[in-house]
């Protein structure tokens, strides 16, 4: 696959072991720690995806979205900051898992025709996100930068349908870059256009505190 605009810069950052460069690369080629927290939570709670519309923001490899697809979601959309992450990792991963599921036993739920893919900045997305559309919005490690919290809260408020939920897996605080779960929750509750309730549904018992938050959009 040919490199798209900006792909060479992203490749150079990865080769020099730079995880994130604001405005250029947001770490999409790395599977972050809290992604596994979210996957375990979804499996442990037998989260009901049946017939639901789902989007994974900051998806990278798209593992939570793939889990939703395998468990009966009507359709799953994937979003990441960099188009090269979508084209060179997310889409191939979705297709590879779909092909693997066609072997034994077959898993018809893993149907890539029920997926769409978006790229761009949350504040100024290059692709158009649906409005008030998703039953479930999932994301992991997306609240690390203070500057992204307001645009992210605005985006999820715009694309979550009334009664829908947002699941966030993250470290409680990101030292040195200013982001935190508490700050994001404050942004969500400060919305004047949408009313949210916030619930901490999981947390670590030791070490650097990680949490999973569930935000429910009120009808």
Protein backbone atom coordinates (compact mmCIF):
# COMPACT_ATOMS: atom_id res chain seq x y z
CA UNK A 1 0.00 0.00 0.00
CA UNK A 2 1.35 3.42 -0.89
CA UNK A 3 1.98 5.95 1.84
CA UNK A 4 -0.66 8.62 2.26
CA UNK A 5 -0.15 12.23 3.25
CA UNK A 6 1.83 12.40 6.49
CA UNK A 7 2.52 8.66 6.61
CA UNK A 8 6.27 9.16 6.25
CA UNK A 9 6.35 11.43 9.29
CA UNK A 10 4.36 8.92 11.31
CA UNK A 11 6.71 6.15 10.23
CA UNK A 12 9.73 8.19 11.32
CA UNK A 13 8.14 8.85 14.74
CA UNK A 14 7.47 5.14 15.23
CA UNK A 15 11.02 4.21 14.22
CA UNK A 16 12.38 6.65 16.81
CA UNK A 17 9.98 5.21 19.42
CA UNK A 18 7.85 8.34 19.77
CA UNK A 19 4.38 7.27 20.95
CA UNK A 20 2.57 10.59 20.49
CA UNK A 21 3.26 13.91 18.75
CA UNK A 22 0.38 16.34 19.16
CA UNK A 23 -1.24 17.30 15.89
CA UNK A 24 0.78 14.75 13.93
CA UNK A 25 0.43 11.27 15.45
CA UNK A 26 -1.74 10.20 18.37
CA UNK A 27 -0.36 6.74 19.10
CA UNK A 28 -2.71 4.73 16.89
CA UNK A 29 -0.18 2.02 16.06
CA UNK A 30 0.19 1.05 19.72
CA UNK A 31 -2.27 -1.01 21.78
CA UNK A 32 -2.50 0.94 25.03
CA UNK A 33 -2.83 -0.65 28.46
CA UNK A 34 -6.40 0.41 29.20
CA UNK A 35 -7.65 -1.21 26.00
CA UNK A 36 -7.18 -4.54 27.75
CA UNK A 37 -9.08 -3.26 30.79
CA UNK A 38 -12.00 -2.38 28.52
CA UNK A 39 -11.92 -5.76 26.77
CA UNK A 40 -11.91 -7.63 30.08
CA UNK A 41 -14.77 -5.50 31.39
CA UNK A 42 -16.90 -6.12 28.30
CA UNK A 43 -16.31 -9.86 28.49
CA UNK A 44 -16.72 -10.14 32.26
CA UNK A 45 -20.03 -8.26 32.25
CA UNK A 46 -21.29 -9.94 29.05
CA UNK A 47 -22.04 -6.45 27.77
CA UNK A 48 -25.06 -6.53 25.48
CA UNK A 49 -24.17 -5.38 21.96
CA UNK A 50 -27.02 -7.21 20.24
CA UNK A 51 -28.58 -5.06 17.52
CA UNK A 52 -26.75 -1.90 18.63
CA UNK A 53 -24.90 0.76 16.70
CA UNK A 54 -21.35 1.15 18.02
CA UNK A 55 -18.33 3.36 17.42
CA UNK A 56 -14.82 2.98 18.80
CA UNK A 57 -12.99 6.32 19.01
CA UNK A 58 -9.20 6.33 18.88
CA UNK A 59 -9.51 2.75 17.75
CA UNK A 60 -6.00 1.77 16.60
CA UNK A 61 -6.22 -1.98 16.04
CA UNK A 62 -9.94 -1.90 16.83
CA UNK A 63 -10.12 -4.76 19.31
CA UNK A 64 -13.13 -3.49 21.35
CA UNK A 65 -14.98 -2.75 18.11
CA UNK A 66 -14.24 -6.25 16.85
CA UNK A 67 -15.56 -7.70 20.10
CA UNK A 68 -18.77 -5.70 19.65
CA UNK A 69 -19.12 -6.95 16.08
CA UNK A 70 -18.60 -10.56 17.18
CA UNK A 71 -21.27 -10.17 19.87
CA UNK A 72 -24.10 -9.07 17.63
CA UNK A 73 -23.73 -5.32 17.09
CA UNK A 74 -25.80 -4.23 14.12
CA UNK A 75 -22.88 -2.20 12.83
CA UNK A 76 -19.57 -0.94 14.18
CA UNK A 77 -17.69 2.18 13.11
CA UNK A 78 -14.00 2.77 13.78
CA UNK A 79 -12.26 6.16 14.15
CA UNK A 80 -8.64 7.16 14.58
CA UNK A 81 -6.71 10.41 14.24
CA UNK A 82 -4.44 9.21 11.43
CA UNK A 83 -5.76 7.93 8.12
CA UNK A 84 -2.66 5.73 7.79
CA UNK A 85 -3.62 3.95 11.05
CA UNK A 86 -7.09 3.23 9.65
CA UNK A 87 -5.79 2.11 6.24
CA UNK A 88 -2.79 0.11 7.36
CA UNK A 89 -3.89 -1.38 10.68
CA UNK A 90 -7.58 -1.05 11.52
CA UNK A 91 -9.02 -2.14 8.17
CA UNK A 92 -6.54 -5.02 7.67
CA UNK A 93 -7.20 -6.22 11.24
CA UNK A 94 -10.97 -6.20 10.72
CA UNK A 95 -10.58 -8.07 7.43
CA UNK A 96 -8.11 -10.58 8.89
CA UNK A 97 -10.43 -11.40 11.79
CA UNK A 98 -13.38 -11.70 9.44
CA UNK A 99 -11.46 -14.13 7.23
CA UNK A 100 -10.33 -16.15 10.24
CA UNK A 101 -13.90 -16.38 11.49
CA UNK A 102 -14.95 -17.95 8.22
CA UNK A 103 -12.89 -21.04 8.97
CA UNK A 104 -14.01 -23.19 11.92
CA UNK A 105 -16.38 -22.53 13.53
CA UNK A 106 -17.90 -19.85 11.29
CA UNK A 107 -18.80 -16.56 12.97
CA UNK A 108 -21.13 -14.69 10.62
CA UNK A 109 -21.28 -11.72 13.01
CA UNK A 110 -17.75 -10.72 11.97
CA UNK A 111 -18.98 -9.17 8.74
CA UNK A 112 -16.84 -6.24 7.54
CA UNK A 113 -19.72 -4.95 5.43
CA UNK A 114 -21.27 -3.82 8.71
CA UNK A 115 -18.30 -1.53 9.45
CA UNK A 116 -17.31 1.99 8.47
CA UNK A 117 -14.03 3.80 9.04
CA UNK A 118 -13.35 7.45 9.87
CA UNK A 119 -10.18 9.48 10.35
CA UNK A 120 -9.47 12.96 11.64
CA UNK A 121 -9.26 15.35 14.55
CA UNK A 122 -12.14 15.29 17.04
CA UNK A 123 -12.36 19.07 16.89
CA UNK A 124 -12.26 19.26 13.08
CA UNK A 125 -12.84 15.76 11.69
CA UNK A 126 -11.94 15.34 8.05
CA UNK A 127 -14.76 12.81 7.70
CA UNK A 128 -18.36 13.49 8.70
CA UNK A 129 -19.53 11.74 11.86
CA UNK A 130 -23.21 10.84 12.20
CA UNK A 131 -25.25 12.92 14.65
CA UNK A 132 -27.15 11.31 17.58
CA UNK A 133 -26.61 7.90 16.06
CA UNK A 134 -24.73 5.48 18.32
CA UNK A 135 -26.07 3.33 21.14
CA UNK A 136 -22.54 2.66 22.41
CA UNK A 137 -19.39 4.79 22.15
CA UNK A 138 -16.17 3.10 23.33
CA UNK A 139 -12.70 4.54 23.86
CA UNK A 140 -9.51 3.81 25.75
CA UNK A 141 -6.71 6.20 26.80
CA UNK A 142 -8.32 9.11 24.93
CA UNK A 143 -8.28 11.66 27.79
CA UNK A 144 -4.52 12.01 28.31
CA UNK A 145 -4.26 15.58 26.97
CA UNK A 146 -6.13 18.48 28.54
CA UNK A 147 -6.52 20.18 25.15
CA UNK A 148 -8.53 17.26 23.73
CA UNK A 149 -11.12 16.97 26.50
CA UNK A 150 -13.57 19.63 25.36
CA UNK A 151 -13.57 18.55 21.68
CA UNK A 152 -13.98 14.92 22.72
CA UNK A 153 -16.89 15.72 25.04
CA UNK A 154 -18.52 17.73 22.26
CA UNK A 155 -18.06 14.91 19.76
CA UNK A 156 -19.52 12.16 21.94
CA UNK A 157 -22.41 14.44 22.88
CA UNK A 158 -23.13 14.94 19.19
CA UNK A 159 -22.92 11.31 18.11
CA UNK A 160 -24.50 9.42 21.05
CA UNK A 161 -28.22 8.91 20.76
CA UNK A 162 -30.52 9.63 23.75
CA UNK A 163 -30.28 6.73 26.19
CA UNK A 164 -26.93 5.67 24.71
CA UNK A 165 -23.76 5.07 26.72
CA UNK A 166 -20.12 6.06 26.49
CA UNK A 167 -17.54 3.65 27.93
CA UNK A 168 -14.15 5.18 28.74
CA UNK A 169 -11.17 3.14 29.95
CA UNK A 170 -8.31 5.34 31.12
CA UNK A 171 -5.71 6.09 33.73
CA UNK A 172 -7.23 8.30 36.42
CA UNK A 173 -4.57 10.95 35.79
CA UNK A 174 -1.98 11.51 33.06
CA UNK A 175 0.90 13.22 34.79
CA UNK A 176 2.84 15.71 32.70
CA UNK A 177 0.22 16.16 29.96
CA UNK A 178 -2.71 17.40 32.02
CA UNK A 179 -5.48 14.99 31.12
CA UNK A 180 -7.55 13.05 33.64
CA UNK A 181 -10.80 11.16 33.98
CA UNK A 182 -12.06 13.73 36.50
CA UNK A 183 -11.42 16.59 34.05
CA UNK A 184 -13.21 14.76 31.24
CA UNK A 185 -16.16 13.98 33.50
CA UNK A 186 -16.34 17.66 34.37
CA UNK A 187 -16.44 18.53 30.66
CA UNK A 188 -19.23 16.00 30.08
CA UNK A 189 -21.33 17.32 32.95
CA UNK A 190 -20.77 20.92 31.86
CA UNK A 191 -22.46 20.35 28.49
CA UNK A 192 -25.43 22.67 28.04
CA UNK A 193 -26.87 20.76 25.08
CA UNK A 194 -26.84 17.24 26.55
CA UNK A 195 -27.33 15.85 30.07
CA UNK A 196 -25.09 12.99 31.22
CA UNK A 197 -24.89 10.75 34.26
CA UNK A 198 -21.46 9.36 35.16
CA UNK A 199 -20.69 6.08 36.92
CA UNK A 200 -17.36 4.46 37.73
CA UNK A 201 -17.95 0.79 36.88
CA UNK A 202 -14.43 -0.58 37.42
CA UNK A 203 -11.13 0.44 38.99
CA UNK A 204 -7.77 -1.11 39.81
CA UNK A 205 -7.10 -2.09 43.40
CA UNK A 206 -3.37 -1.26 43.38
CA UNK A 207 -0.68 0.56 41.43
CA UNK A 208 -1.34 3.49 39.11
CA UNK A 209 -5.09 3.91 39.27
CA UNK A 210 -7.00 2.97 36.13
CA UNK A 211 -10.75 3.21 35.78
CA UNK A 212 -13.64 2.49 33.47
CA UNK A 213 -16.34 5.14 33.36
CA UNK A 214 -19.84 4.72 32.00
CA UNK A 215 -21.57 7.90 30.86
CA UNK A 216 -25.28 7.63 30.01
CA UNK A 217 -26.96 10.24 27.88
CA UNK A 218 -30.30 11.22 29.35
CA UNK A 219 -33.36 11.08 27.05
